Protein backbone atom coordinates (compact mmCIF):
# COMPACT_ATOMS: atom_id res chain seq x y z
CA UNK A 1 112.75 85.97 104.09
CA UNK A 2 111.87 83.48 101.60
CA UNK A 3 113.03 80.17 101.51
CA UNK A 4 115.19 80.93 98.38
CA UNK A 5 116.14 83.95 96.15
CA UNK A 6 113.82 84.48 93.31
CA UNK A 7 116.18 86.10 91.25
CA UNK A 8 120.37 86.25 91.05
CA UNK A 9 120.57 89.84 89.98
CA UNK A 10 118.06 92.85 90.37
CA UNK A 11 118.86 95.96 89.23
CA UNK A 12 116.85 99.47 90.69
CA UNK A 13 117.06 102.27 88.25
CA UNK A 14 116.24 105.29 90.26
CA UNK A 15 117.33 104.72 94.07
CA UNK A 16 115.00 106.63 95.84
CA UNK A 17 112.28 106.24 98.02
CA UNK A 18 110.64 103.79 96.08
CA UNK A 19 113.55 101.99 94.50
CA UNK A 20 115.89 102.17 97.43
CA UNK A 21 112.87 100.40 99.68
CA UNK A 22 112.46 98.25 96.99
CA UNK A 23 116.24 97.14 96.82
CA UNK A 24 116.11 96.81 100.65
CA UNK A 25 113.69 94.54 100.70
CA UNK A 26 115.39 92.63 97.54
CA UNK A 27 118.45 92.29 99.75
CA UNK A 28 117.07 92.07 103.59
CA UNK A 29 114.32 89.49 102.94
CA UNK A 30 116.68 87.19 100.45
CA UNK A 31 114.55 87.73 97.20
CA UNK A 32 117.71 88.65 95.20
CA UNK A 33 121.51 87.38 95.73
CA UNK A 34 122.70 90.91 94.22
CA UNK A 35 121.40 94.09 93.78
CA UNK A 36 122.77 97.06 91.49
CA UNK A 37 121.97 100.26 91.66
CA UNK A 38 121.61 102.84 88.78
CA UNK A 39 120.78 106.82 88.65
CA UNK A 40 121.99 110.01 87.53
CA UNK A 41 123.01 111.42 90.97
CA UNK A 42 126.31 110.01 92.29
CA UNK A 43 125.60 111.75 95.71
CA UNK A 44 122.20 109.52 95.82
CA UNK A 45 124.14 106.09 94.72
CA UNK A 46 127.22 106.88 97.16
CA UNK A 47 124.64 107.44 100.00
CA UNK A 48 122.61 104.00 98.90
CA UNK A 49 126.15 102.06 98.76
CA UNK A 50 127.15 103.68 102.36
CA UNK A 51 124.12 102.55 103.81
CA UNK A 52 123.88 99.00 102.29
CA UNK A 53 121.04 99.26 100.15
CA UNK A 54 122.80 98.36 97.25
CA UNK A 55 125.84 95.95 96.42
CA UNK A 56 127.33 97.97 93.36
CA UNK A 57 126.41 100.92 91.64
CA UNK A 58 126.76 100.70 87.68
CA UNK A 59 125.88 102.61 84.45
CA UNK A 60 122.60 101.59 83.47
CA UNK A 61 123.39 99.60 80.11
CA UNK A 62 126.08 97.40 82.21
CA UNK A 63 123.96 96.82 84.94
CA UNK A 64 121.20 95.65 82.89
CA UNK A 65 123.27 92.56 80.88
CA UNK A 66 122.83 89.93 83.38
CA UNK A 67 119.81 91.09 85.59
CA UNK A 68 117.31 88.68 86.03
CA UNK A 69 115.09 91.25 87.56
CA UNK A 70 114.87 94.79 86.64
CA UNK A 71 112.56 97.56 88.27
CA UNK A 72 112.17 101.40 86.64
CA UNK A 73 111.70 103.95 89.99
CA UNK A 74 112.04 106.79 87.31
CA UNK A 75 109.31 109.61 87.10
CA UNK A 76 106.34 108.16 84.94
CA UNK A 77 107.41 110.57 82.06
CA UNK A 78 111.08 108.95 82.43
CA UNK A 79 110.10 105.27 82.08
CA UNK A 80 109.65 104.54 78.68
CA UNK A 81 112.53 106.87 77.25
CA UNK A 82 114.57 104.95 80.20
CA UNK A 83 113.34 101.27 78.81
CA UNK A 84 114.44 102.29 75.07
CA UNK A 85 117.70 103.52 76.21
CA UNK A 86 118.09 99.86 78.10
CA UNK A 87 116.45 97.61 76.01
CA UNK A 88 119.34 96.54 73.62
CA UNK A 89 121.40 95.61 77.05
CA UNK A 90 118.81 93.67 78.31
CA UNK A 91 119.14 89.74 78.48
CA UNK A 92 116.55 87.40 76.79
CA UNK A 93 113.99 86.45 79.36
CA UNK A 94 114.59 89.08 81.96
CA UNK A 95 111.50 90.14 83.77
CA UNK A 96 111.14 94.31 83.95
CA UNK A 97 108.78 95.97 86.11
CA UNK A 98 108.03 99.64 87.44
CA UNK A 99 106.91 101.71 90.14
CA UNK A 100 105.12 104.21 88.18
CA UNK A 101 101.39 105.26 89.05
CA UNK A 102 100.23 105.49 85.75
CA UNK A 103 99.70 102.34 83.59
CA UNK A 104 97.88 102.57 80.24
CA UNK A 105 100.75 104.04 77.79
CA UNK A 106 103.47 102.58 79.76
CA UNK A 107 102.51 99.35 79.58
CA UNK A 108 101.31 99.11 75.71
CA UNK A 109 104.39 100.92 75.13
CA UNK A 110 106.67 98.63 77.23
CA UNK A 111 105.30 95.23 75.90
CA UNK A 112 106.35 96.84 72.26
CA UNK A 113 109.54 97.70 73.38
CA UNK A 114 110.31 94.12 74.81
CA UNK A 115 108.84 92.28 71.51
CA UNK A 116 108.82 88.80 73.57
CA UNK A 117 112.68 88.99 73.86
CA UNK A 118 112.22 90.29 77.53
CA UNK A 119 109.25 90.48 79.72
CA UNK A 120 107.76 93.79 80.79
CA UNK A 121 104.95 93.92 83.31
CA UNK A 122 103.51 97.24 85.07
CA UNK A 123 103.43 97.55 88.36
CA UNK A 124 102.31 99.99 91.26
CA UNK A 125 103.17 99.78 94.73
CA UNK A 126 100.62 102.22 96.73
CA UNK A 127 102.84 103.29 99.30
CA UNK A 128 105.11 106.32 99.87
CA UNK A 129 105.46 109.27 101.97
CA UNK A 130 106.05 112.99 100.98
CA UNK A 131 109.89 112.44 101.39
CA UNK A 132 112.42 111.70 98.60
CA UNK A 133 116.03 109.97 98.27
CA UNK A 134 117.84 106.60 98.91
CA UNK A 135 118.05 107.85 102.71
CA UNK A 136 114.80 108.48 103.12
CA UNK A 137 113.97 104.65 102.05
CA UNK A 138 112.85 102.08 104.29
CA UNK A 139 112.26 97.86 104.43
CA UNK A 140 109.01 98.17 105.60
CA UNK A 141 107.56 100.89 103.41
CA UNK A 142 105.38 98.12 101.49
CA UNK A 143 103.76 96.43 104.55
CA UNK A 144 100.42 96.09 104.62
CA UNK A 145 100.09 97.90 101.37
CA UNK A 146 98.62 97.19 97.94
CA UNK A 147 100.15 96.98 94.86
CA UNK A 148 98.63 96.95 91.62
CA UNK A 149 99.92 94.83 88.79
CA UNK A 150 98.59 95.30 85.44
CA UNK A 151 98.87 92.16 82.74
CA UNK A 152 97.63 91.77 79.39
CA UNK A 153 96.63 88.98 77.56
CA UNK A 154 100.19 89.15 76.37
CA UNK A 155 101.94 88.41 79.82
CA UNK A 156 103.29 84.85 80.38
CA UNK A 157 102.18 83.25 83.00
CA UNK A 158 105.41 82.38 85.34
CA UNK A 159 106.88 85.88 85.28
CA UNK A 160 103.69 87.27 86.35
CA UNK A 161 103.88 84.81 89.37
CA UNK A 162 107.65 85.67 89.97
CA UNK A 163 106.52 89.36 90.09
CA UNK A 164 103.50 88.93 92.42
CA UNK A 165 105.68 86.85 94.78
CA UNK A 166 108.58 89.48 95.04
CA UNK A 167 105.47 92.30 95.47
CA UNK A 168 104.40 89.73 98.47
CA UNK A 169 107.88 89.26 99.93
CA UNK A 170 107.79 92.82 100.18
CA UNK A 171 104.53 92.55 102.62
CA UNK A 172 102.05 94.08 99.93
CA UNK A 173 98.95 92.79 99.18
CA UNK A 174 98.29 92.46 95.48
CA UNK A 175 95.47 92.80 92.85
CA UNK A 176 95.75 92.52 89.24
CA UNK A 177 94.18 95.20 87.07
CA UNK A 178 93.67 96.01 83.37
CA UNK A 179 95.93 99.10 82.74
CA UNK A 180 93.09 101.42 81.86
CA UNK A 181 91.16 100.58 84.51
CA UNK A 182 94.19 101.69 86.84
CA UNK A 183 94.74 105.14 86.01
CA UNK A 184 90.82 105.69 86.15
CA UNK A 185 90.74 104.29 89.65
CA UNK A 186 94.21 106.07 90.43
CA UNK A 187 93.09 109.19 89.08
CA UNK A 188 90.09 109.27 91.44
CA UNK A 189 91.53 108.29 94.60
CA UNK A 190 94.89 109.07 94.09
CA UNK A 191 95.99 111.76 91.27
CA UNK A 192 92.59 113.99 91.59
CA UNK A 193 93.61 114.65 95.76
CA UNK A 194 96.97 115.60 94.85
CA UNK A 195 95.74 118.51 92.25
CA UNK A 196 93.06 119.62 94.86
CA UNK A 197 95.50 119.62 97.65
CA UNK A 198 98.04 121.71 95.33
CA UNK A 199 95.08 124.35 94.24
CA UNK A 200 93.92 124.40 97.75
CA UNK A 201 97.21 125.16 98.92
CA UNK A 202 98.23 127.97 96.23
CA UNK A 203 94.76 129.69 97.01
CA UNK A 204 95.23 130.40 100.52
CA UNK A 205 98.74 131.32 99.49
CA UNK A 206 97.26 134.24 97.46
CA UNK A 207 95.38 135.96 100.06
CA UNK A 208 96.92 139.10 101.40
CA UNK A 209 99.41 137.87 104.34
CA UNK A 210 99.10 134.17 102.89
CA UNK A 211 101.88 133.28 104.82
CA UNK A 212 100.52 134.80 108.35
CA UNK A 213 97.34 132.73 107.74
CA UNK A 214 99.53 129.50 108.37
CA UNK A 215 100.05 130.22 112.07
CA UNK A 216 96.25 129.65 112.36
CA UNK A 217 96.13 126.59 110.31
CA UNK A 218 94.83 123.49 112.48
CA UNK A 219 93.97 120.11 111.59
CA UNK A 220 91.44 121.01 108.51
CA UNK A 221 94.35 122.80 106.50
CA UNK A 222 96.78 120.23 107.90
CA UNK A 223 95.26 117.39 106.65
CA UNK A 224 93.38 118.45 103.41
CA UNK A 225 97.40 119.68 102.34
CA UNK A 226 99.57 117.30 103.81
CA UNK A 227 100.24 115.67 100.34
CA UNK A 228 101.06 118.90 98.53
CA UNK A 229 104.41 118.43 100.10
CA UNK A 230 104.78 115.69 97.57
CA UNK A 231 107.62 116.10 94.94
CA UNK A 232 106.47 118.84 92.35
CA UNK A 233 108.45 117.10 89.49
CA UNK A 234 106.94 113.62 89.92
CA UNK A 235 103.29 115.46 90.13
CA UNK A 236 103.90 117.26 87.29
CA UNK A 237 104.64 113.99 85.56
CA UNK A 238 101.78 111.94 86.85
CA UNK A 239 99.17 114.71 85.63
CA UNK A 240 100.42 114.88 82.32
CA UNK A 241 100.86 111.00 81.75
CA UNK A 242 97.23 110.52 82.90
CA UNK A 243 95.81 113.85 81.51
CA UNK A 244 92.51 112.40 79.73
CA UNK A 245 91.50 110.71 82.91
CA UNK A 246 92.59 114.46 85.20
CA UNK A 247 90.63 116.40 82.68
CA UNK A 248 87.57 114.40 83.53
CA UNK A 249 87.81 114.13 87.18
CA UNK A 250 88.84 117.64 87.25
CA UNK A 251 85.59 118.89 85.29
CA UNK A 252 83.49 116.75 87.68
CA UNK A 253 85.23 118.45 90.79
CA UNK A 254 84.47 122.03 89.25
CA UNK A 255 81.14 121.06 88.57
CA UNK A 256 80.49 119.84 92.34
CA UNK A 257 82.13 122.80 93.84
CA UNK A 258 79.94 125.20 91.69
CA UNK A 259 77.27 123.63 93.20
CA UNK A 260 78.34 124.43 96.39
CA UNK A 261 78.77 127.92 95.36
CA UNK A 262 75.28 128.39 93.68
CA UNK A 263 73.69 127.07 96.98
CA UNK A 264 76.09 129.42 99.25
CA UNK A 265 74.83 132.33 97.10
CA UNK A 266 71.34 131.77 96.95
CA UNK A 267 71.20 131.00 101.04
CA UNK A 268 70.29 127.43 100.21
CA UNK A 269 71.12 125.70 103.27
CA UNK A 270 68.71 122.60 102.50
CA UNK A 271 70.82 122.35 99.31
CA UNK A 272 74.19 122.32 101.33
CA UNK A 273 73.30 120.03 104.09
CA UNK A 274 72.21 117.69 101.20
CA UNK A 275 75.59 117.97 99.42
CA UNK A 276 77.31 117.89 102.92
CA UNK A 277 75.71 114.94 104.15
CA UNK A 278 76.02 112.86 101.16
CA UNK A 279 79.77 113.59 101.13
CA UNK A 280 79.93 112.77 104.97
CA UNK A 281 78.07 109.47 104.32
CA UNK A 282 80.60 108.50 101.92
CA UNK A 283 83.59 109.64 103.68
CA UNK A 284 81.90 107.20 106.55
CA UNK A 285 82.82 104.15 104.42
CA UNK A 286 86.51 104.64 104.51
CA UNK A 287 86.68 103.83 107.73
CA UNK A 288 85.02 100.25 107.48
């Protein structure tokens, strides 16, 4: 709990796993006096109301009129169209952020849409599960995880401090990063692993009797492909939103796989050992 609310009225657009968990933090930790939910699914909004995740569910244009804080928790390719639609209704001085996992284009366009009348600051809470929907949300989702905040030279200090204080109230550690740098970093450690997991899972599925092979899958396959259970629509949007970085990362991945293939083809055990040892030593650093 914080000593006094940071916001009188907060609006969550997209009350799913991330949005619902943000709403729970806003309500349960005293960050906002009132939390309003906006979404396309009436059933999901009803579930959020029944569970006490939000105080009210309203159409977007009506919800944002009195909001001090708005968080866009929609798929990354929908963030800017959603912001464009609600921008005329946002009150002067409001703070708007998002939960998207790509940032460069979103922040550039978000600041232009805000045009100094309200403040847009990008956020990326690096937390989640493979589940979706309001019923899957929980207050402690963000505890002890990292949130990347992406201010620019145009970002006012006071709203930035408020946004930082909110993520701290959610239990997160925060780091501030240039939006372009964010997309490079996340492309390497989050987006590329998802593409690899999807490709690996599809590869196994295309073998003869692919489904029967699953009965023999142990930790290696399960651990490596866990994130292939993530929502396909969300990850299709992320791949397209960060396509420049994804193409570079994928090309590097293919070069490394080709090098391994070449060593196997030529029977070069020393080369395989060298590449596997390099990977092993780098991976060990993650444990520290």
